[in-house]
Amino acid sequence: MTAVRTETRPLFIPDQIAAAAGAVALRRGSRPVASVCIDSRAVREGSLFVALPGERTDGHNFLRAAVEAGATALLVAAGQWEGRKAAVEDLAAERGTAVFSVPDTLAGLQALARFHMGRFQRLKRIGITGSNGKTTTKEILGAIVSRMGRAAVNEGNLNSDSGLPLAAFRVDGSHEFAVFEMGMNRQGEMDGLADIVRPDLALITNIGTAHVGILGSREAIAREKKAIFKHFDGRQTGFLGEEEAFSGMLSEGVNGRFVRFGPRTTRGFGGSESLGLDGTAVNWEGLRIRFPLFGRHNLWNALAAIQVAVELGAPTDCVRAGLESVRPLFGRSQIVRGRFTVIWDCYNANPDSMAEALGFLNELSWPGRKVAVLGSMRELGSRSEAAHEAVGGLAESSGLDRVFLFGEEMEAARRRMEDRSGRISWTADMEELRRGLEAFLRDGDLVFVKGSRGLALENLAPTLPPAAAEGTA
């Protein structure tokens, strides 16, 4: 399931960098490129270092460090080299490091990734996007297809305009399948990702409210996600949920075939049974499969992955083994058992995933107390206050024994919740939250932790069992 390259042949020779990225050679070199990096700390002998501008720093500040670490070549933005070359030029000449210039280094990085992916004509490419569930669906499908043949699956957060190209460079000629998660949070981003991947099969898990503050509406989110189908030419297949409200708009005008997934439409699905925190029993093609992830949302992720796998011709034993092997990733429905049982779901949060989680908690049978730490949901724009108030209403009616609200935006949820029992508190201070938890929690409690990634709720690990602790489900 790894995307690590195994071929020994180089990724690029210098002339290919110039041609593929439309680059000007400021300093020529002859050594081939074996890997591509955007972080100078990851540079190794033979790397191409692409200097990207960032919110906190600029990759051009680390050109010398990249050369010192063994970079074969540098890709810099036009106009940046003149101000930087005094610190780098002599060392680059000594090491034989090539330097290439492009108008935009991100566009150059993506052009190189497109060129690289264009080499693999027999590769079956799968692209997955959506507001919720795309990472988990990618992991499930990756677990299945890796049992069918050699598969490249993008790892971690390599799903963005800069991350996905790095995942593409890990594909080589030995791979039969490549599964790419494709994320976006701004207009036009999906178009660039789809141009790199050119998926043969493309799946949208759902259209929700994640990034609605940036894109403005769910309809705008749907329009942006639809770009995953932009390069269909009639031979490709798209996948949409059977309950997707925007399915008509998403498929309209797309030159390809569409298949639905869900409890009624995923081929071979014969129902399921919740096993609580132990996961879900999935009945498929006469098999009873113990799927380790809990909740209706994860069942839908599994059904999406199964439908794509069936389309790829996956044998039943590969589907079963893949589903049974899946484990939660960091901060995504991780279960850690100790003095209390903790569900770490702190990788991200939006109104849809919050509602799904609170519904699951409400239905879950638990012998002890149920406690929730609900952090702010980011990138909701003008809808933020109403969305947080709605979460407050759901939490108020959920039957939770204690609710800790955290983050400035969550103050709106506190205002919505009429609390006469003292079971609800709010703070924007991590230490105050920690003290409140320490004072309240006792053995046997179930603690659910969810919030947007920027809140870094994993900092509660000194108070709660850490997400990396032994015993993670």
Protein backbone atom coordinates (compact mmCIF):
# COMPACT_ATOMS: atom_id res chain seq x y z
CA MET A 1 0.00 0.00 0.00
CA THR A 2 3.03 2.22 0.14
CA ALA A 3 3.83 4.78 -2.53
CA VAL A 4 7.60 4.49 -2.15
CA ARG A 5 9.47 4.25 -5.45
CA THR A 6 11.33 1.03 -6.10
CA GLU A 7 12.75 1.70 -9.55
CA THR A 8 16.39 2.78 -9.69
CA ARG A 9 16.14 4.81 -12.87
CA PRO A 10 16.08 8.59 -12.28
CA LEU A 11 12.94 10.68 -12.25
CA PHE A 12 14.39 13.30 -14.59
CA ILE A 13 17.51 14.34 -16.37
CA PRO A 14 18.17 18.10 -16.41
CA ASP A 15 16.94 18.62 -19.99
CA GLN A 16 13.59 17.05 -19.05
CA ILE A 17 13.15 19.51 -16.18
CA ALA A 18 13.63 22.41 -18.54
CA ALA A 19 11.27 21.00 -21.16
CA ALA A 20 8.51 19.75 -18.86
CA ALA A 21 8.38 22.80 -16.58
CA GLY A 22 9.11 25.40 -19.28
CA ALA A 23 12.15 26.40 -17.24
CA VAL A 24 15.19 28.48 -18.10
CA ALA A 25 18.52 26.94 -17.13
CA LEU A 26 20.35 29.54 -15.04
CA ARG A 27 23.07 27.07 -14.23
CA ARG A 28 23.44 23.84 -16.13
CA GLY A 29 24.16 20.46 -14.59
CA SER A 30 24.40 16.88 -15.72
CA ARG A 31 23.39 14.83 -12.67
CA PRO A 32 19.97 13.13 -12.81
CA VAL A 33 17.17 13.79 -10.30
CA ALA A 34 16.11 10.88 -8.09
CA SER A 35 13.48 12.65 -5.94
CA VAL A 36 11.62 15.94 -5.61
CA CYS A 37 11.36 17.93 -2.35
CA ILE A 38 9.70 21.16 -1.25
CA ASP A 39 11.16 21.01 2.27
CA SER A 40 14.93 21.51 2.46
CA ARG A 41 15.03 19.23 5.52
CA ALA A 42 13.89 16.33 3.32
CA VAL A 43 16.54 16.89 0.64
CA ARG A 44 18.90 13.99 0.01
CA GLU A 45 21.64 13.30 -2.50
CA GLY A 46 20.02 13.53 -5.92
CA SER A 47 16.99 15.64 -4.97
CA LEU A 48 15.41 18.42 -6.98
CA PHE A 49 14.51 21.16 -4.48
CA VAL A 50 11.51 23.28 -5.52
CA ALA A 51 11.46 26.61 -3.68
CA LEU A 52 7.82 27.42 -2.91
CA PRO A 53 6.62 30.62 -1.25
CA GLY A 54 4.66 29.97 1.95
CA GLU A 55 2.57 31.76 4.55
CA ARG A 56 5.30 31.66 7.20
CA THR A 57 8.49 31.36 5.18
CA ASP A 58 9.81 31.08 1.62
CA GLY A 59 11.65 28.11 0.19
CA HIS A 60 14.08 30.50 -1.49
CA ASN A 61 15.52 31.18 1.97
CA PHE A 62 16.78 27.59 2.08
CA LEU A 63 18.50 27.19 -1.28
CA ARG A 64 21.96 26.91 0.25
CA ALA A 65 20.76 24.37 2.80
CA ALA A 66 19.32 22.27 -0.03
CA VAL A 67 22.61 22.32 -1.95
CA GLU A 68 24.53 21.41 1.20
CA ALA A 69 22.16 18.46 1.73
CA GLY A 70 22.95 17.09 -1.75
CA ALA A 71 20.40 18.66 -4.09
CA THR A 72 21.13 17.86 -7.74
CA ALA A 73 19.01 20.76 -8.96
CA LEU A 74 17.08 23.80 -7.75
CA LEU A 75 13.84 25.17 -9.19
CA VAL A 76 13.46 28.86 -8.36
CA ALA A 77 11.03 31.63 -9.22
CA ALA A 78 12.06 34.13 -11.86
CA GLY A 79 13.43 37.24 -10.20
CA GLN A 80 14.41 35.43 -7.00
CA TRP A 81 17.80 34.10 -8.12
CA GLU A 82 19.51 37.47 -8.50
CA GLY A 83 18.91 38.32 -4.88
CA ARG A 84 19.90 34.85 -3.64
CA LYS A 85 22.72 33.66 -5.89
CA ALA A 86 25.54 35.36 -3.94
CA ALA A 87 24.89 32.97 -1.04
CA VAL A 88 24.48 29.89 -3.24
CA GLU A 89 26.31 30.25 -6.56
CA ASP A 90 29.82 29.21 -5.52
CA LEU A 91 28.60 26.17 -3.63
CA ALA A 92 26.28 25.20 -6.50
CA ALA A 93 29.21 25.43 -8.93
CA GLU A 94 31.40 23.35 -6.63
CA ARG A 95 28.73 20.64 -6.25
CA GLY A 96 27.58 20.72 -9.87
CA THR A 97 24.04 21.71 -8.86
CA ALA A 98 21.81 22.84 -11.72
CA VAL A 99 19.52 25.86 -11.26
CA PHE A 100 16.29 26.32 -13.22
CA SER A 101 13.99 29.32 -13.24
CA VAL A 102 10.21 29.41 -13.85
CA PRO A 103 7.65 32.21 -13.48
CA ASP A 104 5.80 30.25 -10.74
CA THR A 105 7.45 27.40 -8.85
CA LEU A 106 4.14 25.78 -7.82
CA ALA A 107 3.04 25.69 -11.46
CA GLY A 108 6.47 24.30 -12.33
CA LEU A 109 6.14 21.56 -9.71
CA GLN A 110 2.73 20.60 -11.07
CA ALA A 111 4.00 20.59 -14.66
CA LEU A 112 6.74 18.16 -13.69
CA ALA A 113 4.17 15.92 -11.98
CA ARG A 114 1.95 15.96 -15.10
CA PHE A 115 4.94 15.01 -17.23
CA HIS A 116 5.86 12.18 -14.87
CA MET A 117 2.32 10.76 -14.68
CA GLY A 118 2.07 10.90 -18.46
CA ARG A 119 4.71 8.16 -18.66
CA PHE A 120 2.40 5.42 -17.34
CA GLN A 121 -0.10 4.47 -20.00
CA ARG A 122 -1.21 1.18 -18.40
CA LEU A 123 -1.60 2.54 -14.87
CA LYS A 124 -5.16 2.46 -13.49
CA ARG A 125 -5.65 5.86 -11.83
CA ILE A 126 -8.28 6.48 -9.15
CA GLY A 127 -9.05 9.96 -7.80
CA ILE A 128 -11.09 10.55 -4.64
CA THR A 129 -12.43 13.86 -3.37
CA GLY A 130 -15.33 15.08 -1.23
CA SER A 131 -16.16 17.22 1.76
CA ASN A 132 -16.00 14.34 4.25
CA GLY A 133 -14.55 10.84 4.21
CA LYS A 134 -12.11 11.12 1.32
CA THR A 135 -9.04 10.13 3.37
CA THR A 136 -10.75 7.10 4.93
CA THR A 137 -12.22 6.03 1.59
CA LYS A 138 -8.77 6.33 0.03
CA GLU A 139 -7.28 4.16 2.77
CA ILE A 140 -10.00 1.50 2.39
CA LEU A 141 -9.71 1.36 -1.39
CA GLY A 142 -5.92 1.36 -1.13
CA ALA A 143 -6.10 -1.62 1.23
CA ILE A 144 -8.23 -3.50 -1.31
CA VAL A 145 -6.32 -2.71 -4.52
CA SER A 146 -2.95 -3.40 -2.89
CA ARG A 147 -4.14 -7.00 -2.66
CA MET A 148 -4.93 -7.01 -6.38
CA GLY A 149 -1.53 -5.78 -7.55
CA ARG A 150 1.16 -3.26 -6.78
CA ALA A 151 -0.47 0.01 -5.74
CA ALA A 152 0.67 3.55 -5.03
CA VAL A 153 -1.51 5.36 -2.47
CA ASN A 154 -0.77 8.94 -1.49
CA GLU A 155 0.26 9.12 2.13
CA GLY A 156 -0.54 11.52 4.95
CA ASN A 157 -1.66 14.93 3.72
CA LEU A 158 -0.17 14.69 0.22
CA ASN A 159 -3.49 15.68 -1.36
CA SER A 160 -3.06 19.42 -2.03
CA ASP A 161 -1.76 21.52 -4.92
CA SER A 162 1.79 21.01 -3.62
CA GLY A 163 1.37 17.66 -1.84
CA LEU A 164 -0.28 15.68 -4.63
CA PRO A 165 2.60 16.26 -7.07
CA LEU A 166 4.98 14.80 -4.48
CA ALA A 167 2.71 11.73 -4.25
CA ALA A 168 2.74 11.48 -8.06
CA PHE A 169 6.54 11.35 -8.12
CA ARG A 170 6.41 8.17 -6.02
CA VAL A 171 4.59 6.31 -8.79
CA ASP A 172 6.79 4.16 -10.99
CA GLY A 173 6.42 1.69 -13.85
CA SER A 174 5.92 -1.28 -11.53
CA HIS A 175 2.62 0.06 -10.19
CA GLU A 176 -0.65 -1.27 -11.56
CA PHE A 177 -2.89 1.04 -9.53
CA ALA A 178 -2.55 4.56 -8.15
CA VAL A 179 -5.09 5.86 -5.63
CA PHE A 180 -5.01 9.61 -5.05
CA GLU A 181 -6.90 11.61 -2.46
CA MET A 182 -7.50 15.06 -3.93
CA GLY A 183 -8.30 17.92 -1.57
CA MET A 184 -9.05 21.55 -2.23
CA ASN A 185 -9.94 24.70 -0.31
CA ARG A 186 -9.98 27.35 -3.04
CA GLN A 187 -11.40 27.91 -6.48
CA GLY A 188 -9.42 26.36 -9.33
CA GLU A 189 -7.36 24.01 -7.18
CA MET A 190 -9.17 20.81 -8.19
CA ASP A 191 -8.68 21.57 -11.87
CA GLY A 192 -4.91 21.49 -11.42
CA LEU A 193 -5.01 18.25 -9.43
CA ALA A 194 -7.23 16.52 -11.97
CA ASP A 195 -4.88 17.57 -14.75
CA ILE A 196 -2.03 15.78 -12.95
CA VAL A 197 -3.90 12.57 -12.09
CA ARG A 198 -6.22 12.27 -15.13
CA PRO A 199 -8.27 9.65 -13.22
CA ASP A 200 -9.79 6.65 -14.96
CA LEU A 201 -12.18 6.32 -12.02
CA ALA A 202 -13.13 9.40 -10.00
CA LEU A 203 -15.23 9.40 -6.84
CA ILE A 204 -16.88 12.23 -4.91
CA THR A 205 -17.74 11.01 -1.42
CA ASN A 206 -20.21 13.85 -0.74
CA ILE A 207 -20.77 17.58 -1.05
CA GLY A 208 -20.86 19.13 2.42
CA THR A 209 -19.97 22.38 4.10
CA ALA A 210 -16.20 22.04 4.54
CA HIS A 211 -14.54 25.26 3.23
CA VAL A 212 -17.92 26.90 2.66
CA GLY A 213 -16.50 30.11 4.16
CA ILE A 214 -13.94 30.26 1.36
CA LEU A 215 -16.05 29.10 -1.58
CA GLY A 216 -19.31 30.67 -0.43
CA SER A 217 -21.91 27.91 -0.82
CA ARG A 218 -22.37 24.17 -1.15
CA GLU A 219 -23.21 24.72 -4.82
CA ALA A 220 -19.85 26.46 -5.31
CA ILE A 221 -18.14 23.56 -3.53
CA ALA A 222 -19.91 21.13 -5.87
CA ARG A 223 -18.80 23.11 -8.93
CA GLU A 224 -15.19 22.99 -7.72
CA LYS A 225 -15.31 19.27 -6.88
CA LYS A 226 -16.83 18.55 -10.30
CA ALA A 227 -13.49 19.44 -11.86
CA ILE A 228 -12.27 15.96 -10.92
CA PHE A 229 -14.27 14.80 -13.98
CA LYS A 230 -12.96 17.55 -16.27
CA HIS A 231 -10.59 15.36 -18.26
CA PHE A 232 -13.06 12.55 -18.92
CA ASP A 233 -13.16 11.65 -22.60
CA GLY A 234 -15.87 8.97 -22.57
CA ARG A 235 -13.79 6.05 -21.32
CA GLN A 236 -13.84 6.95 -17.60
CA THR A 237 -16.25 6.25 -14.75
CA GLY A 238 -17.45 8.63 -12.05
CA PHE A 239 -18.93 7.60 -8.69
CA LEU A 240 -21.54 9.56 -6.70
CA GLY A 241 -23.48 8.77 -3.55
CA GLU A 242 -27.03 7.59 -4.01
CA GLU A 243 -28.29 10.41 -1.75
CA GLU A 244 -26.11 13.14 -3.27
CA ALA A 245 -28.25 16.27 -3.64
CA PHE A 246 -25.97 17.69 -6.35
CA SER A 247 -25.69 14.53 -8.43
CA GLY A 248 -27.50 16.04 -11.42
CA MET A 249 -25.24 19.05 -11.55
CA LEU A 250 -22.10 16.99 -10.93
CA SER A 251 -22.78 14.58 -13.80
CA GLU A 252 -24.29 17.07 -16.26
CA GLY A 253 -22.17 17.51 -19.36
CA VAL A 254 -19.50 15.05 -18.22
CA ASN A 255 -18.31 12.73 -20.99
CA GLY A 256 -18.25 9.54 -18.97
CA ARG A 257 -20.31 6.89 -17.22
CA PHE A 258 -21.63 7.32 -13.67
CA VAL A 259 -22.20 4.71 -10.98
CA ARG A 260 -23.95 5.24 -7.64
CA PHE A 261 -22.86 3.88 -4.28
CA GLY A 262 -24.62 3.48 -0.95
CA PRO A 263 -26.72 0.99 1.01
CA ARG A 264 -29.21 0.55 -1.85
CA THR A 265 -26.81 0.68 -4.81
CA THR A 266 -23.42 -0.80 -3.88
CA ARG A 267 -23.37 -4.16 -5.60
CA GLY A 268 -23.48 -7.15 -3.26
CA PHE A 269 -24.30 -5.19 -0.10
CA GLY A 270 -26.69 -7.09 2.17
CA GLY A 271 -26.93 -4.87 5.23
CA SER A 272 -24.81 -4.10 8.27
CA GLU A 273 -24.77 -4.26 12.04
CA SER A 274 -23.17 -1.75 14.39
CA LEU A 275 -20.65 -3.28 16.78
CA GLY A 276 -20.35 -0.04 18.75
CA LEU A 277 -16.77 1.11 19.13
CA ASP A 278 -15.61 -2.26 17.80
CA GLY A 279 -16.68 -1.31 14.29
CA THR A 280 -19.30 -2.56 11.87
CA ALA A 281 -20.30 -6.00 10.62
CA VAL A 282 -20.75 -5.63 6.85
CA ASN A 283 -22.70 -8.26 4.91
CA TRP A 284 -21.43 -8.31 1.36
CA GLU A 285 -21.72 -11.00 -1.32
CA GLY A 286 -22.79 -13.51 1.33
CA LEU A 287 -19.78 -12.75 3.53
CA ARG A 288 -19.89 -11.29 7.03
CA ILE A 289 -16.96 -8.86 7.15
CA ARG A 290 -15.73 -7.30 10.38
CA PHE A 291 -14.95 -3.73 9.36
CA PRO A 292 -12.99 -2.10 12.23
CA LEU A 293 -14.28 1.47 11.76
CA PHE A 294 -17.47 2.53 13.52
CA GLY A 295 -20.36 4.78 12.51
CA ARG A 296 -22.70 5.29 9.58
CA HIS A 297 -20.25 7.69 7.94
CA ASN A 298 -17.54 5.03 7.81
CA LEU A 299 -20.01 2.48 6.45
CA TRP A 300 -20.67 4.87 3.56
CA ASN A 301 -16.91 5.22 3.03
CA ALA A 302 -16.64 1.43 2.86
CA LEU A 303 -19.54 1.16 0.41
CA ALA A 304 -17.92 3.78 -1.82
CA ALA A 305 -14.61 1.92 -1.80
CA ILE A 306 -16.33 -1.43 -2.46
CA GLN A 307 -18.18 -0.03 -5.46
CA VAL A 308 -14.97 1.27 -7.03
CA ALA A 309 -13.19 -2.00 -6.25
CA VAL A 310 -16.00 -3.99 -7.90
CA GLU A 311 -15.69 -1.78 -10.97
CA LEU A 312 -11.98 -2.64 -11.03
CA GLY A 313 -12.82 -6.35 -10.91
CA ALA A 314 -11.64 -6.97 -7.35
CA PRO A 315 -12.01 -10.59 -6.16
CA THR A 316 -14.18 -11.04 -3.07
CA ASP A 317 -11.23 -12.18 -0.96
CA CYS A 318 -9.35 -8.96 -1.75
CA VAL A 319 -12.36 -6.86 -0.74
CA ARG A 320 -12.80 -8.77 2.48
CA ALA A 321 -9.11 -8.71 3.44
CA GLY A 322 -8.86 -5.02 2.60
CA LEU A 323 -11.88 -4.03 4.68
CA GLU A 324 -10.77 -6.08 7.65
CA SER A 325 -7.24 -4.64 7.58
CA VAL A 326 -8.15 -0.95 7.75
CA ARG A 327 -7.12 0.97 10.86
CA PRO A 328 -7.93 4.58 11.79
CA LEU A 329 -5.35 7.23 10.97
CA PHE A 330 -4.10 9.89 13.37
CA GLY A 331 -6.96 11.95 14.75
CA ARG A 332 -9.59 10.21 12.63
CA SER A 333 -11.87 8.15 14.88
CA GLN A 334 -8.93 6.66 16.75
CA ILE A 335 -9.94 4.76 19.87
CA VAL A 336 -7.54 4.61 22.80
CA ARG A 337 -8.50 2.53 25.81
CA GLY A 338 -7.15 3.19 29.29
CA ARG A 339 -8.55 4.71 32.48
CA PHE A 340 -11.08 6.27 30.14
CA THR A 341 -11.83 5.40 26.56
CA VAL A 342 -10.98 8.26 24.21
CA ILE A 343 -12.17 8.77 20.66
CA TRP A 344 -9.68 11.10 18.99
CA ASP A 345 -11.42 12.74 16.02
CA CYS A 346 -9.43 15.96 16.03
CA TYR A 347 -8.04 16.00 12.49
CA ASN A 348 -10.87 18.12 11.16
CA ALA A 349 -14.43 19.24 11.82
CA ASN A 350 -17.33 20.79 9.94
CA PRO A 351 -21.09 20.94 10.58
CA ASP A 352 -21.79 17.68 8.73
CA SER A 353 -19.15 15.61 10.49
CA MET A 354 -20.08 17.13 13.88
CA ALA A 355 -23.72 16.18 13.41
CA GLU A 356 -22.78 12.66 12.32
CA ALA A 357 -20.51 12.20 15.34
CA LEU A 358 -23.00 13.53 17.87
CA GLY A 359 -25.68 11.28 16.43
CA PHE A 360 -23.42 8.27 16.83
CA LEU A 361 -22.59 9.19 20.43
CA ASN A 362 -26.26 9.61 21.23
CA GLU A 363 -27.07 6.12 19.94
CA LEU A 364 -24.01 4.43 21.45
CA SER A 365 -24.65 2.27 24.48
CA TRP A 366 -21.99 2.93 27.15
CA PRO A 367 -21.84 1.72 30.76
CA GLY A 368 -20.18 4.89 32.09
CA ARG A 369 -20.48 8.60 31.44
CA LYS A 370 -20.22 10.11 27.96
CA VAL A 371 -18.15 13.30 27.66
CA ALA A 372 -17.50 15.45 24.59
CA VAL A 373 -14.79 18.01 23.88
CA LEU A 374 -16.09 19.98 20.92
CA GLY A 375 -13.68 22.42 19.29
CA SER A 376 -14.38 25.22 16.84
CA MET A 377 -15.06 24.55 13.17
CA ARG A 378 -12.96 26.73 10.88
CA GLU A 379 -13.40 28.10 7.33
CA LEU A 380 -17.17 28.61 7.62
CA GLY A 381 -17.15 32.36 6.91
CA SER A 382 -20.46 34.16 7.42
CA ARG A 383 -22.13 30.86 8.29
CA SER A 384 -19.88 30.23 11.26
CA GLU A 385 -22.10 31.60 14.03
CA ALA A 386 -25.24 29.81 12.85
CA ALA A 387 -23.31 26.55 12.31
CA HIS A 388 -21.86 26.65 15.83
CA GLU A 389 -25.26 27.46 17.29
CA ALA A 390 -26.64 24.40 15.48
CA VAL A 391 -23.91 22.21 16.98
CA GLY A 392 -24.85 23.60 20.39
CA GLY A 393 -28.44 22.53 19.83
CA LEU A 394 -27.37 19.03 18.84
CA ALA A 395 -25.07 18.70 21.85
CA GLU A 396 -27.78 19.97 24.17
CA SER A 397 -30.21 17.28 23.06
CA SER A 398 -27.63 14.49 22.81
CA GLY A 399 -27.84 13.20 26.37
CA LEU A 400 -24.10 13.68 26.93
CA ASP A 401 -23.14 13.81 30.60
CA ARG A 402 -20.69 16.67 30.06
CA VAL A 403 -19.81 18.95 27.16
CA PHE A 404 -16.60 21.00 27.03
CA LEU A 405 -16.76 23.64 24.28
CA PHE A 406 -13.41 24.99 23.10
CA GLY A 407 -12.38 27.84 20.80
CA GLU A 408 -13.62 31.34 20.11
CA GLU A 409 -16.20 30.25 17.53
CA MET A 410 -17.72 27.75 19.96
CA GLU A 411 -18.92 30.58 22.18
CA ALA A 412 -21.90 30.75 19.81
CA ALA A 413 -22.74 27.15 20.74
CA ARG A 414 -22.66 28.03 24.44
CA ARG A 415 -25.10 30.88 23.88
CA ARG A 416 -27.44 28.45 22.14
CA MET A 417 -27.36 25.88 24.95
CA GLU A 418 -29.63 26.55 27.91
CA ASP A 419 -27.64 24.92 30.69
CA ARG A 420 -29.10 24.80 34.16
CA SER A 421 -27.27 21.67 35.29
CA GLY A 422 -23.67 22.88 34.97
CA ARG A 423 -22.86 20.15 32.47
CA ILE A 424 -21.70 22.58 29.76
CA SER A 425 -18.63 24.84 29.83
CA TRP A 426 -16.78 26.97 27.32
CA THR A 427 -13.25 28.31 27.12
CA ALA A 428 -10.78 29.47 24.50
CA ASP A 429 -7.82 28.69 26.78
CA MET A 430 -6.17 25.26 26.44
CA GLU A 431 -4.90 25.20 30.04
CA GLU A 432 -8.35 26.02 31.38
CA LEU A 433 -9.79 23.21 29.25
CA ARG A 434 -7.14 20.83 30.55
CA ARG A 435 -7.87 21.72 34.17
CA GLY A 436 -11.59 21.26 33.63
CA LEU A 437 -11.08 17.79 32.19
CA GLU A 438 -8.69 16.75 34.95
CA ALA A 439 -11.20 17.81 37.59
CA PHE A 440 -14.17 16.09 35.97
CA LEU A 441 -13.01 12.81 34.42
CA ARG A 442 -13.08 9.51 36.25
CA ASP A 443 -12.39 5.88 35.41
CA GLY A 444 -14.77 4.37 32.88
CA ASP A 445 -15.72 7.60 31.10
CA LEU A 446 -15.98 7.77 27.32
CA VAL A 447 -14.37 10.96 25.99
CA PHE A 448 -15.00 12.17 22.45
CA VAL A 449 -12.59 14.84 21.13
CA LYS A 450 -13.39 16.67 17.89
CA GLY A 451 -12.45 20.01 16.37
CA SER A 452 -10.72 21.64 13.43
CA ARG A 453 -7.07 20.78 12.89
CA GLY A 454 -5.86 24.30 13.69
CA LEU A 455 -6.95 23.92 17.33
CA ALA A 456 -4.31 21.20 17.92
CA LEU A 457 -6.57 19.31 20.33
CA GLU A 458 -3.95 16.56 20.46
CA ASN A 459 -2.26 18.87 22.99
CA LEU A 460 -4.71 17.37 25.47
CA ALA A 461 -2.59 14.19 25.37
CA PRO A 462 -1.01 14.87 28.80
CA THR A 463 -4.53 14.81 30.26
CA LEU A 464 -6.03 12.09 28.04
CA PRO A 465 -4.39 8.92 26.73
CA PRO A 466 -2.30 10.03 23.73
CA ALA A 467 -3.42 9.12 20.23
CA ALA A 468 -0.24 7.12 19.69
CA ALA A 469 -0.64 5.04 22.86
CA GLU A 470 -0.58 1.29 22.84
CA GLY A 471 -4.06 -0.11 22.51
CA THR A 472 -5.21 2.14 19.68
CA ALA A 473 -8.04 0.37 17.87
